[in-house]
Amino acid sequence: MLKVLRYVLSIVTFLFASYGLITKNFEFNYIMIFLLGLTMLIMGLEEFRKERKMYGWLMVVVFLFSLFVAIQGFLLN
């Protein structure tokens, strides 16, 4: 389940990034950062399941930072 969700989030994030690069329209950048953060959260949960807690916590911290950046981008947009 987590693997499928990670792949779906990665593809959607890649599509948002590609859209921004092709059209030079970066208005949806905060959505892309939020989706990338969710991907990191899913990867962190997978690391916790593999008993690698250090990498898991690192991914969760990256998720929290990207969530902060995405919220800040949403409020300033």
Protein backbone atom coordinates (compact mmCIF):
# COMPACT_ATOMS: atom_id res chain seq x y z
CA MET A 1 0.00 0.00 0.00
CA LEU A 2 2.73 2.47 0.95
CA LYS A 3 4.77 1.58 -2.11
CA VAL A 4 1.85 2.31 -4.46
CA LEU A 5 1.11 5.58 -2.66
CA ARG A 6 4.78 6.58 -2.90
CA TYR A 7 4.80 5.90 -6.65
CA VAL A 8 1.57 7.84 -7.23
CA LEU A 9 2.80 10.83 -5.22
CA SER A 10 6.15 10.76 -7.01
CA ILE A 11 4.50 10.77 -10.43
CA VAL A 12 2.13 13.60 -9.54
CA THR A 13 5.03 15.61 -8.10
CA PHE A 14 7.04 14.99 -11.25
CA LEU A 15 4.11 16.17 -13.38
CA PHE A 16 3.80 19.42 -11.39
CA ALA A 17 7.56 20.01 -11.68
CA SER A 18 7.50 19.29 -15.42
CA TYR A 19 4.56 21.62 -15.92
CA GLY A 20 6.41 24.41 -14.14
CA LEU A 21 9.58 23.92 -16.14
CA ILE A 22 7.88 23.65 -19.52
CA THR A 23 5.48 26.57 -19.15
CA LYS A 24 7.73 28.73 -16.92
CA ASN A 25 4.68 29.11 -14.67
CA PHE A 26 5.69 28.48 -11.07
CA GLU A 27 2.37 29.38 -9.48
CA PHE A 28 1.79 25.76 -8.31
CA ASN A 29 5.23 25.38 -6.76
CA TYR A 30 3.90 25.16 -3.21
CA ILE A 31 1.64 22.24 -4.20
CA MET A 32 4.63 20.46 -5.69
CA ILE A 33 6.65 21.02 -2.50
CA PHE A 34 3.75 19.73 -0.40
CA LEU A 35 3.43 16.58 -2.52
CA LEU A 36 7.19 16.06 -2.34
CA GLY A 37 6.94 16.34 1.44
CA LEU A 38 4.16 13.75 1.51
CA THR A 39 6.39 11.47 -0.53
CA MET A 40 9.13 11.94 2.06
CA LEU A 41 6.66 11.12 4.84
CA ILE A 42 5.66 7.88 3.10
CA MET A 43 9.32 7.01 2.61
CA GLY A 44 9.93 7.73 6.30
CA LEU A 45 7.11 5.38 7.29
CA GLU A 46 8.63 2.70 5.07
CA GLU A 47 11.98 3.21 6.81
CA PHE A 48 10.32 2.81 10.22
CA ARG A 49 8.85 -0.49 9.03
CA LYS A 50 12.33 -1.63 8.01
CA GLU A 51 13.58 -0.80 11.55
CA ARG A 52 15.85 1.99 10.26
CA LYS A 53 14.66 4.69 12.63
CA MET A 54 17.38 7.25 11.93
CA TYR A 55 16.45 7.53 8.25
CA GLY A 56 12.79 7.46 9.21
CA TRP A 57 13.16 10.43 11.52
CA LEU A 58 15.23 12.26 8.92
CA MET A 59 12.45 11.84 6.34
CA VAL A 60 9.81 13.00 8.84
CA VAL A 61 11.85 16.13 9.60
CA VAL A 62 12.18 16.82 5.86
CA PHE A 63 8.40 16.40 5.57
CA LEU A 64 7.79 18.90 8.36
CA PHE A 65 10.15 21.42 6.79
CA SER A 66 8.52 21.05 3.36
CA LEU A 67 5.09 21.39 4.99
CA PHE A 68 6.22 24.66 6.55
CA VAL A 69 7.57 25.90 3.20
CA ALA A 70 4.39 24.87 1.36
CA ILE A 71 2.15 26.65 3.88
CA GLN A 72 4.34 29.74 3.70
CA GLY A 73 4.19 29.66 -0.11
CA PHE A 74 0.42 29.28 -0.02
CA LEU A 75 0.00 32.25 2.31
CA LEU A 76 2.36 34.50 0.32
CA ASN A 77 0.90 33.53 -3.05
